[in-house]
Protein backbone atom coordinates (compact mmCIF):
# COMPACT_ATOMS: atom_id res chain seq x y z
CA MET A 1 -0.46 4.42 21.67
CA SER A 2 3.20 4.20 22.67
CA GLU A 3 5.92 5.20 20.25
CA GLU A 4 7.99 2.00 20.31
CA PRO A 5 10.32 1.26 17.37
CA LEU A 6 8.81 -0.67 14.52
CA SER A 7 9.13 -4.43 14.56
CA PRO A 8 11.87 -5.83 12.30
CA PRO A 9 10.48 -6.95 8.94
CA ARG A 10 10.03 -10.59 8.10
CA ILE A 11 12.51 -11.19 5.31
CA PRO A 12 11.77 -14.08 2.95
CA PRO A 13 14.62 -16.35 1.83
CA PRO A 14 16.67 -15.04 -1.11
CA PRO A 15 15.56 -16.17 -4.57
CA PRO A 16 17.50 -19.00 -6.20
CA GLN A 17 20.29 -17.94 -8.56
CA PRO A 18 21.40 -19.58 -11.82
CA THR A 19 23.56 -22.68 -11.37
CA ALA A 20 24.75 -25.45 -13.63
CA ASP A 21 21.35 -27.07 -13.13
CA ARG A 22 19.32 -23.86 -13.21
CA PRO A 23 19.11 -21.78 -16.40
CA PRO A 24 19.12 -17.96 -16.51
CA PHE A 25 15.76 -16.52 -15.52
CA ARG A 26 14.62 -15.81 -19.09
CA ASP A 27 15.39 -19.37 -20.16
CA ALA A 28 13.51 -21.08 -17.33
CA PRO A 29 10.49 -23.04 -18.67
CA SER A 30 8.14 -21.45 -16.11
CA THR A 31 9.28 -17.99 -17.21
CA LYS A 32 8.62 -18.73 -20.88
CA GLU A 33 5.12 -19.96 -20.01
CA ARG A 34 4.18 -16.84 -18.06
CA VAL A 35 6.10 -13.95 -19.58
CA ALA A 36 3.27 -12.86 -21.91
CA ALA A 37 0.86 -12.53 -18.96
CA TRP A 38 3.52 -10.73 -16.92
CA GLN A 39 4.08 -8.24 -19.74
CA LYS A 40 0.36 -7.52 -20.00
CA SER A 41 0.14 -6.82 -16.27
CA TYR A 42 3.30 -4.69 -16.39
CA GLU A 43 1.99 -2.52 -19.21
CA GLU A 44 -1.40 -2.09 -17.53
CA CYS A 45 0.12 -1.10 -14.17
CA LEU A 46 2.53 1.30 -15.83
CA ARG A 47 -0.34 2.90 -17.74
CA LYS A 48 -2.49 3.24 -14.62
CA GLY A 49 0.40 4.52 -12.52
CA THR A 50 1.31 7.17 -15.08
CA ALA A 51 -2.32 8.33 -15.20
CA ARG A 52 -2.57 8.41 -11.39
CA LEU A 53 0.61 10.42 -11.10
CA GLU A 54 -0.79 12.95 -13.56
CA LEU A 55 -3.95 13.27 -11.44
CA ILE A 56 -1.87 13.84 -8.31
CA ARG A 57 0.28 16.46 -10.01
CA ALA A 58 -2.83 18.21 -11.32
CA GLY A 59 -4.23 18.37 -7.79
CA LYS A 60 -7.58 17.05 -8.97
CA PRO A 61 -9.68 16.25 -5.86
CA GLY A 62 -11.37 12.88 -5.55
CA ARG A 63 -14.59 11.69 -3.98
CA GLN A 64 -14.89 11.53 -0.20
CA ALA A 65 -17.20 8.99 1.44
CA GLU A 66 -16.00 8.95 5.05
CA GLY A 67 -19.51 9.92 6.18
CA ARG A 68 -20.51 6.28 5.82
CA PHE A 69 -17.90 4.98 8.27
CA HIS A 70 -20.74 4.46 10.75
CA GLU A 71 -21.71 1.44 8.62
CA TYR A 72 -18.52 -0.29 9.79
CA CYS A 73 -17.81 -1.96 13.11
CA THR A 74 -14.32 -1.17 14.35
CA THR A 75 -12.69 -3.21 17.10
CA ILE A 76 -9.24 -3.35 18.69
CA GLU A 77 -7.41 -6.64 18.19
CA GLU A 78 -4.01 -8.03 19.10
CA HIS A 79 -1.41 -8.06 16.36
CA ASP A 80 2.14 -9.28 16.95
CA ASP A 81 3.72 -7.33 14.07
CA SER A 82 2.40 -4.01 15.34
CA PRO A 83 4.78 -2.00 17.56
CA THR A 84 1.78 -1.38 19.83
CA LYS A 85 0.73 -5.06 19.62
CA ARG A 86 -2.71 -3.78 18.61
CA THR A 87 -4.57 -3.03 15.43
CA LEU A 88 -7.88 -1.50 14.44
CA HIS A 89 -10.11 -3.94 12.58
CA SER A 90 -12.98 -2.38 10.60
CA ARG A 91 -15.62 -4.57 8.99
CA TRP A 92 -18.66 -3.56 6.96
CA SER A 93 -21.95 -4.26 8.73
CA GLY A 94 -23.98 -4.70 5.54
CA GLY A 95 -24.01 -7.12 2.62
CA VAL A 96 -22.27 -10.48 2.48
CA VAL A 97 -19.02 -10.30 4.44
CA GLN A 98 -16.67 -13.27 4.63
CA PRO A 99 -14.22 -13.92 7.50
CA SER A 100 -11.36 -12.82 5.24
CA HIS A 101 -12.95 -9.41 4.62
CA GLY A 102 -11.96 -6.41 6.70
CA TYR A 103 -9.33 -3.75 7.24
CA LYS A 104 -6.62 -4.33 9.84
CA ASN A 105 -4.27 -1.39 10.34
CA THR A 106 -2.34 0.41 13.06
CA PRO A 107 -2.63 4.18 12.64
CA LEU A 108 -0.05 6.19 14.60
CA PRO A 109 -1.14 9.82 14.17
CA ALA A 110 1.49 11.17 16.59
CA GLN A 111 4.11 9.72 14.25
CA GLY A 112 2.28 10.58 11.03
CA THR A 113 2.23 6.91 10.11
CA ILE A 114 -0.19 4.19 9.07
CA LEU A 115 0.96 0.58 9.33
CA SER A 116 -1.18 -1.51 7.01
CA TRP A 117 -1.55 -5.22 7.68
CA GLN A 118 -4.56 -6.63 5.85
CA ASN A 119 -7.17 -4.89 3.70
CA LYS A 120 -9.83 -6.74 1.75
CA GLY A 121 -13.25 -5.35 0.99
CA ALA A 122 -16.50 -7.15 0.20
CA GLN A 123 -18.49 -6.59 -2.96
CA GLY A 124 -20.73 -3.53 -2.73
CA GLU A 125 -18.94 -1.84 0.17
CA PRO A 126 -19.55 1.92 0.35
CA LEU A 127 -15.97 2.81 1.35
CA THR A 128 -12.63 2.22 -0.32
CA ASN A 129 -9.35 1.22 1.28
CA ALA A 130 -8.27 4.89 1.19
CA ASP A 131 -11.51 5.93 2.96
CA ILE A 132 -10.86 3.37 5.69
CA TYR A 133 -7.24 4.45 6.15
CA TYR A 134 -8.36 8.04 6.67
CA CYS A 135 -11.26 7.15 8.98
CA GLN A 136 -9.10 4.88 11.15
CA TYR A 137 -6.35 7.52 11.32
CA ARG A 138 -8.86 10.15 12.43
CA LEU A 139 -10.52 7.74 14.89
CA GLN A 140 -7.19 6.87 16.52
CA HIS A 141 -6.34 10.55 16.86
CA GLN A 142 -9.65 11.08 18.67
CA ARG A 143 -9.03 8.08 20.93
CA ASP A 144 -5.54 9.32 21.75
CA GLY A 145 -7.15 12.48 23.14
CA ALA A 146 -4.49 14.61 21.49
CA ASP A 147 -4.90 18.36 21.34
CA GLY A 148 -4.98 20.27 18.08
CA GLY A 149 -5.92 19.24 14.58
CA LEU A 150 -5.27 15.98 12.82
CA PRO A 151 -1.50 15.45 12.41
CA GLY A 152 -0.21 15.29 8.87
CA LEU A 153 0.40 11.89 7.32
CA ARG A 154 3.99 11.13 6.38
CA ILE A 155 4.32 7.37 5.92
CA LEU A 156 2.10 4.51 4.76
CA MET A 157 3.65 1.06 5.17
CA ARG A 158 1.93 -1.88 3.46
CA GLN A 159 3.19 -5.17 4.85
CA GLN A 160 4.30 -7.81 2.33
CA ALA A 161 2.37 -6.22 -0.52
CA SER A 162 1.73 -8.99 -3.03
CA SER A 163 -1.36 -8.28 -5.12
CA GLU A 164 -1.55 -10.25 -8.33
CA SER A 165 -1.02 -7.14 -10.46
CA LEU A 166 2.09 -6.09 -8.54
CA THR A 167 3.59 -9.57 -8.36
CA SER A 168 3.11 -10.22 -12.09
CA SER A 169 4.48 -6.78 -13.01
CA LEU A 170 7.59 -7.29 -10.91
CA ASP A 171 8.09 -10.74 -12.40
CA TYR A 172 8.24 -9.01 -15.77
CA VAL A 173 10.87 -6.65 -14.33
CA ARG A 174 12.87 -9.73 -13.38
CA TRP A 175 12.50 -10.92 -16.98
CA GLN A 176 13.72 -7.55 -18.25
CA ARG A 177 16.73 -7.72 -15.97
CA ASN A 178 17.18 -11.49 -16.50
CA THR A 179 17.60 -12.16 -12.80
CA TYR A 180 15.97 -14.23 -10.10
CA GLU A 181 16.45 -11.34 -7.66
CA GLU A 182 13.44 -9.33 -6.53
CA LEU A 183 13.27 -5.61 -7.26
CA VAL A 184 14.29 -3.74 -4.09
CA GLY A 185 15.01 -0.05 -3.61
CA THR A 186 13.64 3.45 -3.11
CA PHE A 187 12.08 4.98 -6.21
CA PRO A 188 11.38 8.72 -6.72
CA GLU A 189 8.37 9.81 -8.72
CA ASP A 190 10.36 10.13 -11.96
CA SER A 191 11.28 6.42 -11.83
CA PRO A 192 9.27 4.01 -14.00
CA TYR A 193 9.20 1.64 -11.02
CA PHE A 194 7.42 4.35 -9.00
CA SER A 195 4.65 4.52 -11.61
CA LEU A 196 4.57 0.73 -11.90
CA ILE A 197 3.94 0.24 -8.17
CA LEU A 198 1.54 3.18 -8.00
CA GLY A 199 -0.54 1.61 -10.78
CA SER A 200 -0.86 -1.75 -9.04
CA GLU A 201 -3.62 -2.73 -6.61
CA ASN A 202 -1.17 -2.09 -3.77
CA GLY A 203 -0.66 1.51 -4.91
CA THR A 204 -4.34 2.44 -5.27
CA ALA A 205 -5.07 3.49 -1.67
CA ALA A 206 -1.92 5.63 -1.37
CA CYS A 207 -2.89 7.50 -4.53
CA TYR A 208 -6.44 8.17 -3.37
CA LEU A 209 -5.35 9.26 0.10
CA VAL A 210 -3.68 12.16 -1.70
CA LEU A 211 -6.55 12.81 -4.12
CA CYS A 212 -9.42 12.49 -1.65
CA TYR A 213 -7.93 13.48 1.72
CA GLY A 214 -4.83 15.48 0.86
CA LYS A 215 -6.13 18.65 2.51
CA GLU A 216 -7.19 16.89 5.72
CA LEU A 217 -3.92 14.92 5.94
CA GLY A 218 -1.63 17.79 4.92
CA ILE A 219 -0.23 16.00 1.87
CA SER A 220 0.06 16.98 -1.78
CA GLY A 221 1.77 13.99 -3.34
CA ILE A 222 4.01 10.96 -2.91
CA SER A 223 7.72 11.74 -2.96
CA SER A 224 9.00 8.15 -3.05
CA ILE A 225 8.02 4.49 -2.86
CA GLU A 226 10.37 2.00 -1.23
CA ARG A 227 10.18 -1.75 -1.72
CA LYS A 228 12.02 -3.78 0.90
CA GLU A 229 13.41 -7.31 0.83
CA SER A 230 10.49 -8.25 3.08
CA ARG A 231 8.21 -7.07 0.20
CA ASP A 232 6.86 -4.28 2.37
CA LEU A 233 6.02 -1.09 0.51
CA ILE A 234 6.70 2.29 2.14
CA PHE A 235 4.98 5.33 0.62
CA THR A 236 6.48 8.65 1.74
CA PHE A 237 4.12 11.59 1.27
CA ARG A 238 4.98 15.15 0.32
CA ASP A 239 3.87 17.94 2.64
CA ARG A 240 1.08 20.19 1.47
CA VAL A 241 2.02 23.86 1.20
CA GLY A 242 -0.68 26.43 1.96
């Protein structure tokens, strides 16, 4: 794969701000209707993220299941957002698989990067999203014909991450801050927003890449999580020492 610069992100329009006809965020009727559900999601994601961070810091290894990757059919497809204009698409060969199921990603081992476009598993699948990320990364390295061992992973980018748990949790953050503006920024691991994102559905695979494949990928943790205006999430991994 060529090492072209990444495509510019698709930035959604800015959120509406309070006006004479629009109340502050906390006072909006839709906010009042949903804030209890947002708070529940926020607290659950924060709890999960805190627990996951503790597992990462403890260096507790997770389960590996990459040996069952042969049960998936992986094809190369065109993808306009990819800098290579291509993506690997892995789909489970067993069970009931709908057209929306599958894992579309562009691994760039030479750059230590995985660009994640669409990942949705079917019920009963033997592999997780983290398993697929690792298997596709290793497969692309083999197809590149590169010499040496598997390059270390440095970056995982999840395009327009918008799982229900993350979206609801961040809506509660907007309630806390009383603003229509989306949360954007780079958060180190001691930030509550780091744990919040890590505990959402969109943070699961990044966590288990470290727990299950940290040795193979040369990583020991996640140093920061960035959320962009485009709603992309960028996980930056910490190098493994020894």
